[in-house]
Amino acid sequence: MGLVTFSTGHLPILMISQVKIILEVQFMELDPKLAQSIVDKMMDQLPFNVNMMNKEGYIIASGDASRINTLHVGGLDAVGQRKTLPGADSHGNNGQPGVNMPVFFGNSIIGVIGITGDPEVVLPFAALLRTATELLISQNQANQIEKENENRLNRFLYQWAQVKDDINQHTSLLLDAKELGIDILKKRLAIAIKYEKQPIVPADAADYVISMSDNTTIILTNLQTTIDRCLKLLHRKAGIRVGIGSKTINVGNSIEEAIKTLEIANLFQDKDYLYFNQVQFIYALLRSKWPVEPIVNKFNELDQTPMGKE
């Protein structure tokens, strides 16, 4: 089986992944690359120098490259006191007059923003910059949670798609399904869609979509409406083939059946072979290791007879 990706209409909330990420926030720090990109954008808009410090008070991004990796005393004080500190005095190489404002994620300080200049003048700019930075970091964190969720569900779908024996014997998979909010004991069938140009997959929000290869997608469903939409897609779009497996709780078997249906339909050049039960006898013959070509020729001959067309 190839690389598996998924799509569902309802992304489950994965509490373990989220708790893990929330715990990591306690040790989170501003990323220097992200910090420098923020500083660069702000320097295009402001006539003041902008510094961003880590929670140890060292400058990790600045409009003045010579100050990077140097200690900023005002920034260190802002971390220690957990509040905005205006400073009218110069600390030489360790800080200039301006405002130093802690950046929070939750209740944790992850860095400090410093703007050089008259504190009364630069304070509003520092507040706007902190808000923008905190929003950007929150969005990045939300994206990370979503990515963790997607990766977890991807792994689960890959394992689920392999099951061809009694699903009840796969305890860890059952536990993962429960945590993901997926009822894997519900009977589903697999719809395999083979295409030359990928269409919009006609899946329902309750379905699961697995990309088997660059030109084959699987839909796991228990809905007749999804089957109907796939059949409409078959007749509406050129270069589309559809194979449908049997409904079962062991979706690995249904996936295999759906793909075999596609293969046999292609072998006989017959788009009317849609369901596995239509090709099950042919599949059994092919599995018997008889020579393939005579079997195909014989069926094609029969297909041209009046009996075969009935």
Protein backbone atom coordinates (compact mmCIF):
# COMPACT_ATOMS: atom_id res chain seq x y z
CA MET A 1 0.00 0.00 0.00
CA GLY A 2 1.29 3.44 -0.89
CA LEU A 3 1.41 6.65 1.06
CA VAL A 4 -1.90 7.24 2.80
CA THR A 5 -3.51 10.61 3.28
CA PHE A 6 -6.98 11.30 4.52
CA SER A 7 -9.81 13.72 4.47
CA THR A 8 -12.88 13.86 6.65
CA GLY A 9 -15.55 16.43 7.17
CA HIS A 10 -15.06 16.37 10.92
CA LEU A 11 -11.56 16.39 12.33
CA PRO A 12 -11.65 14.69 15.74
CA ILE A 13 -10.31 16.40 18.82
CA LEU A 14 -7.27 14.46 19.98
CA MET A 15 -6.91 15.17 23.66
CA ILE A 16 -3.61 13.36 24.15
CA SER A 17 -1.92 15.27 21.33
CA GLN A 18 -3.27 18.56 22.62
CA VAL A 19 -2.18 17.90 26.19
CA LYS A 20 1.27 17.01 24.89
CA ILE A 21 1.49 20.28 22.98
CA ILE A 22 0.14 22.32 25.91
CA LEU A 23 2.81 20.82 28.17
CA GLU A 24 5.44 21.72 25.58
CA VAL A 25 4.34 25.37 25.80
CA GLN A 26 5.99 25.54 29.22
CA PHE A 27 9.33 25.05 27.46
CA MET A 28 8.43 27.01 24.34
CA GLU A 29 10.70 29.77 23.09
CA LEU A 30 10.52 32.28 20.30
CA ASP A 31 11.98 30.82 17.13
CA PRO A 32 14.82 33.12 15.95
CA LYS A 33 13.81 32.80 12.27
CA LEU A 34 10.20 33.66 13.03
CA ALA A 35 11.32 36.51 15.29
CA GLN A 36 13.63 37.95 12.62
CA SER A 37 10.89 37.78 9.98
CA ILE A 38 8.60 39.76 12.31
CA VAL A 39 11.32 42.30 13.01
CA ASP A 40 12.10 42.73 9.31
CA LYS A 41 8.45 43.43 8.51
CA MET A 42 8.16 45.92 11.37
CA MET A 43 11.37 47.68 10.41
CA ASP A 44 9.81 48.41 7.00
CA GLN A 45 7.00 50.27 8.75
CA LEU A 46 8.66 51.92 11.76
CA PRO A 47 11.42 54.53 12.09
CA PHE A 48 12.66 52.78 15.24
CA ASN A 49 14.93 49.83 15.84
CA VAL A 50 13.15 46.68 16.96
CA ASN A 51 14.72 43.89 19.02
CA MET A 52 13.26 40.57 20.06
CA MET A 53 14.80 38.79 23.02
CA ASN A 54 14.44 35.26 24.33
CA LYS A 55 13.36 34.66 27.90
CA GLU A 56 17.00 34.72 29.03
CA GLY A 57 17.25 38.30 27.81
CA TYR A 58 19.51 37.65 24.79
CA ILE A 59 18.65 39.35 21.51
CA ILE A 60 17.64 36.75 18.89
CA ALA A 61 16.37 39.14 16.22
CA SER A 62 17.05 42.80 15.56
CA GLY A 63 17.04 45.56 13.01
CA ASP A 64 20.68 46.00 13.99
CA ALA A 65 22.43 42.71 13.16
CA SER A 66 25.42 43.61 15.36
CA ARG A 67 23.25 43.29 18.48
CA ILE A 68 22.10 39.71 17.88
CA ASN A 69 23.27 37.27 20.59
CA THR A 70 24.06 40.11 23.01
CA LEU A 71 22.43 40.50 26.42
CA HIS A 72 19.66 43.08 26.72
CA VAL A 73 19.42 44.19 30.35
CA GLY A 74 16.00 45.83 29.93
CA GLY A 75 14.64 42.70 28.30
CA LEU A 76 15.96 40.53 31.13
CA ASP A 77 14.30 42.85 33.69
CA ALA A 78 10.98 42.68 31.81
CA VAL A 79 11.09 38.86 32.00
CA GLY A 80 11.91 38.93 35.70
CA GLN A 81 9.15 41.40 36.56
CA ARG A 82 6.67 39.96 34.04
CA LYS A 83 5.56 43.41 32.91
CA THR A 84 6.27 46.17 30.41
CA LEU A 85 9.24 48.30 31.40
CA PRO A 86 9.88 51.70 29.81
CA GLY A 87 13.51 52.78 30.07
CA ALA A 88 14.84 56.27 29.61
CA ASP A 89 18.44 55.36 30.40
CA SER A 90 21.04 53.77 28.18
CA HIS A 91 22.86 50.59 29.21
CA GLY A 92 25.48 51.00 26.51
CA ASN A 93 25.80 47.84 24.43
CA ASN A 94 23.30 46.10 26.74
CA GLY A 95 20.28 48.30 26.03
CA GLN A 96 19.12 51.64 24.70
CA PRO A 97 16.25 53.91 25.88
CA GLY A 98 12.88 52.54 24.81
CA VAL A 99 10.22 50.02 25.86
CA ASN A 100 10.60 46.32 26.64
CA MET A 101 7.41 44.30 26.65
CA PRO A 102 7.10 40.59 27.53
CA VAL A 103 5.49 38.26 24.97
CA PHE A 104 3.16 35.70 26.53
CA PHE A 105 1.83 32.36 25.38
CA GLY A 106 -0.81 31.39 27.90
CA ASN A 107 0.70 32.32 31.24
CA SER A 108 4.26 31.70 30.10
CA ILE A 109 6.70 34.35 28.91
CA ILE A 110 8.38 33.18 25.74
CA GLY A 111 10.30 36.33 24.89
CA VAL A 112 10.44 40.12 24.94
CA ILE A 113 9.86 42.80 22.33
CA GLY A 114 11.98 45.92 22.58
CA ILE A 115 11.62 49.13 20.59
CA THR A 116 14.30 51.77 20.83
CA GLY A 117 13.21 55.40 21.24
CA ASP A 118 11.27 57.76 23.47
CA PRO A 119 9.21 55.41 25.71
CA GLU A 120 6.06 57.54 25.41
CA VAL A 121 6.30 57.52 21.62
CA VAL A 122 7.18 53.87 21.04
CA LEU A 123 4.90 52.30 23.68
CA PRO A 124 1.82 52.05 21.36
CA PHE A 125 3.96 50.49 18.63
CA ALA A 126 5.35 47.95 21.09
CA ALA A 127 1.82 47.02 22.21
CA LEU A 128 0.66 46.49 18.61
CA LEU A 129 3.74 44.45 17.82
CA ARG A 130 3.27 42.26 20.88
CA THR A 131 -0.38 41.62 19.99
CA ALA A 132 0.54 40.71 16.42
CA THR A 133 3.33 38.42 17.63
CA GLU A 134 1.14 36.63 20.16
CA LEU A 135 -1.60 36.12 17.56
CA LEU A 136 0.91 34.75 15.07
CA ILE A 137 2.36 32.35 17.62
CA SER A 138 -1.14 31.21 18.64
CA GLN A 139 -2.00 30.55 15.01
CA ASN A 140 1.23 28.61 14.51
CA GLN A 141 0.41 26.55 17.59
CA ALA A 142 -3.13 25.89 16.33
CA ASN A 143 -1.68 24.78 13.00
CA GLN A 144 0.69 22.46 14.85
CA ILE A 145 -2.22 20.90 16.78
CA GLU A 146 -4.14 20.40 13.54
CA LYS A 147 -1.10 18.83 11.90
CA GLU A 148 -0.64 16.50 14.88
CA ASN A 149 -4.30 15.51 14.57
CA GLU A 150 -3.96 14.85 10.86
CA ASN A 151 -0.78 12.81 11.30
CA ARG A 152 -2.36 10.73 14.04
CA LEU A 153 -5.44 10.00 11.96
CA ASN A 154 -3.25 9.22 8.95
CA ARG A 155 -1.36 6.61 10.95
CA PHE A 156 -4.61 5.14 12.23
CA LEU A 157 -6.16 4.94 8.74
CA TYR A 158 -3.05 3.26 7.37
CA GLN A 159 -3.23 0.57 10.08
CA TRP A 160 -7.00 0.20 9.74
CA ALA A 161 -6.72 -0.28 5.99
CA GLN A 162 -4.39 -3.26 6.52
CA VAL A 163 -6.85 -5.28 8.62
CA LYS A 164 -8.19 -8.31 6.78
CA ASP A 165 -8.83 -10.63 9.72
CA ASP A 166 -11.06 -10.26 12.79
CA ILE A 167 -10.96 -6.57 13.76
CA ASN A 168 -11.78 -7.49 17.36
CA GLN A 169 -8.34 -9.09 17.68
CA HIS A 170 -6.62 -5.74 17.14
CA THR A 171 -6.85 -4.28 20.63
CA SER A 172 -4.56 -1.30 20.12
CA LEU A 173 -6.43 -0.32 16.96
CA LEU A 174 -9.75 -0.49 18.83
CA LEU A 175 -8.35 1.75 21.56
CA ASP A 176 -7.04 4.25 19.03
CA ALA A 177 -10.41 4.26 17.27
CA LYS A 178 -12.20 4.97 20.54
CA GLU A 179 -9.88 7.89 21.26
CA LEU A 180 -10.42 9.23 17.74
CA GLY A 181 -14.18 8.85 18.03
CA ILE A 182 -14.39 6.37 15.13
CA ASP A 183 -16.73 3.37 15.28
CA ILE A 184 -14.64 0.80 13.43
CA LEU A 185 -17.14 -1.96 14.25
CA LYS A 186 -19.64 -0.33 11.90
CA LYS A 187 -19.82 -2.08 8.56
CA ARG A 188 -18.41 -0.06 5.69
CA LEU A 189 -17.53 -0.69 2.09
CA ALA A 190 -14.63 0.63 0.07
CA ILE A 191 -15.10 2.59 -3.14
CA ALA A 192 -11.96 2.72 -5.27
CA ILE A 193 -11.81 5.62 -7.74
CA LYS A 194 -9.15 5.50 -10.45
CA TYR A 195 -8.64 8.64 -12.49
CA GLU A 196 -6.42 10.29 -15.05
CA LYS A 197 -7.02 13.73 -13.52
CA GLN A 198 -8.01 13.83 -9.87
CA PRO A 199 -11.66 14.91 -9.45
CA ILE A 200 -13.29 16.43 -6.41
CA VAL A 201 -13.92 13.32 -4.32
CA PRO A 202 -17.68 13.00 -3.69
CA ALA A 203 -17.37 11.93 -0.06
CA ASP A 204 -19.73 12.66 2.82
CA ALA A 205 -18.61 14.26 6.08
CA ALA A 206 -18.94 10.85 7.76
CA ASP A 207 -16.71 9.11 5.19
CA TYR A 208 -12.96 8.57 5.24
CA VAL A 209 -10.85 9.19 2.15
CA ILE A 210 -7.53 7.42 1.63
CA SER A 211 -5.13 8.23 -1.19
CA MET A 212 -3.61 4.92 -2.26
CA SER A 213 -1.46 6.31 -5.08
CA ASP A 214 -1.19 9.26 -7.42
CA ASN A 215 -4.23 8.10 -9.38
CA THR A 216 -6.29 5.93 -7.01
CA THR A 217 -8.39 7.08 -4.07
CA ILE A 218 -10.39 4.98 -1.61
CA ILE A 219 -13.57 6.13 0.13
CA LEU A 220 -14.68 4.18 3.20
CA THR A 221 -18.42 4.65 3.64
CA ASN A 222 -21.65 3.08 4.82
CA LEU A 223 -23.85 5.54 2.93
CA GLN A 224 -25.78 4.74 -0.25
CA THR A 225 -25.72 8.45 -1.10
CA THR A 226 -21.91 8.33 -1.35
CA ILE A 227 -22.13 5.32 -3.70
CA ASP A 228 -24.69 7.17 -5.83
CA ARG A 229 -22.48 10.26 -6.08
CA CYS A 230 -19.49 8.15 -7.12
CA LEU A 231 -21.52 6.44 -9.85
CA LYS A 232 -22.71 9.83 -11.11
CA LEU A 233 -19.08 10.96 -11.18
CA LEU A 234 -18.23 7.86 -13.24
CA HIS A 235 -20.81 8.73 -15.89
CA ARG A 236 -20.12 12.47 -15.84
CA LYS A 237 -16.33 12.53 -16.06
CA ALA A 238 -14.12 10.91 -18.68
CA GLY A 239 -11.10 8.90 -17.52
CA ILE A 240 -12.80 7.72 -14.31
CA ARG A 241 -13.20 4.12 -13.16
CA VAL A 242 -15.01 2.96 -10.02
CA GLY A 243 -14.76 -0.33 -8.10
CA ILE A 244 -16.89 -1.14 -5.07
CA GLY A 245 -16.11 -3.75 -2.44
CA SER A 246 -18.37 -5.61 -0.02
CA LYS A 247 -19.70 -4.08 3.18
CA THR A 248 -17.78 -5.45 6.17
CA ILE A 249 -16.15 -4.39 9.43
CA ASN A 250 -12.79 -5.56 8.05
CA VAL A 251 -12.24 -2.69 5.64
CA GLY A 252 -8.92 -4.10 4.42
CA ASN A 253 -10.85 -6.86 2.64
CA SER A 254 -13.26 -4.39 1.07
CA ILE A 255 -10.37 -2.19 -0.11
CA GLU A 256 -8.73 -5.20 -1.74
CA GLU A 257 -12.03 -6.14 -3.41
CA ALA A 258 -12.59 -2.62 -4.72
CA ILE A 259 -9.11 -2.48 -6.22
CA LYS A 260 -9.45 -5.98 -7.75
CA THR A 261 -12.73 -4.87 -9.31
CA LEU A 262 -10.89 -1.96 -10.94
CA GLU A 263 -8.15 -4.28 -12.19
CA ILE A 264 -10.56 -6.83 -13.68
CA ALA A 265 -12.73 -4.12 -15.27
CA ASN A 266 -9.57 -2.72 -16.86
CA LEU A 267 -8.47 -6.20 -17.98
CA PHE A 268 -11.77 -6.78 -19.76
CA GLN A 269 -12.14 -3.12 -20.78
CA ASP A 270 -15.61 -3.16 -19.26
CA LYS A 271 -16.77 -0.11 -17.28
CA ASP A 272 -19.94 -1.97 -16.31
CA TYR A 273 -17.95 -4.07 -13.85
CA LEU A 274 -18.51 -1.90 -10.77
CA TYR A 275 -19.14 -4.23 -7.85
CA PHE A 276 -16.90 -7.01 -6.61
CA ASN A 277 -19.75 -9.49 -6.67
CA GLN A 278 -19.90 -8.96 -10.45
CA VAL A 279 -16.29 -10.09 -10.88
CA GLN A 280 -15.93 -12.45 -7.92
CA PHE A 281 -16.12 -15.59 -10.10
CA ILE A 282 -13.60 -14.19 -12.58
CA TYR A 283 -11.33 -13.24 -9.70
CA ALA A 284 -11.51 -16.78 -8.35
CA LEU A 285 -10.50 -18.14 -11.76
CA LEU A 286 -7.61 -15.73 -12.05
CA ARG A 287 -6.43 -16.68 -8.57
CA SER A 288 -6.43 -20.33 -9.60
CA LYS A 289 -3.30 -19.54 -11.65
CA TRP A 290 -4.81 -20.68 -14.90
CA PRO A 291 -3.36 -18.91 -17.96
CA VAL A 292 -4.91 -15.44 -17.99
CA GLU A 293 -5.12 -14.83 -21.74
CA PRO A 294 -7.35 -17.83 -22.61
CA ILE A 295 -9.71 -16.92 -19.76
CA VAL A 296 -10.00 -13.33 -20.92
CA ASN A 297 -10.50 -14.35 -24.54
CA LYS A 298 -13.16 -16.89 -23.60
CA PHE A 299 -15.12 -14.37 -21.55
CA ASN A 300 -14.86 -11.79 -24.32
CA GLU A 301 -16.20 -14.37 -26.80
CA LEU A 302 -19.10 -15.22 -24.50
CA ASP A 303 -19.80 -11.54 -24.01
CA GLN A 304 -20.48 -11.20 -27.75
CA THR A 305 -23.03 -14.02 -27.81
CA PRO A 306 -26.77 -13.38 -27.33
CA MET A 307 -26.57 -15.19 -23.99
CA GLY A 308 -23.65 -13.09 -22.85
CA LYS A 309 -25.47 -9.85 -23.69
CA GLU A 310 -28.55 -10.76 -21.69
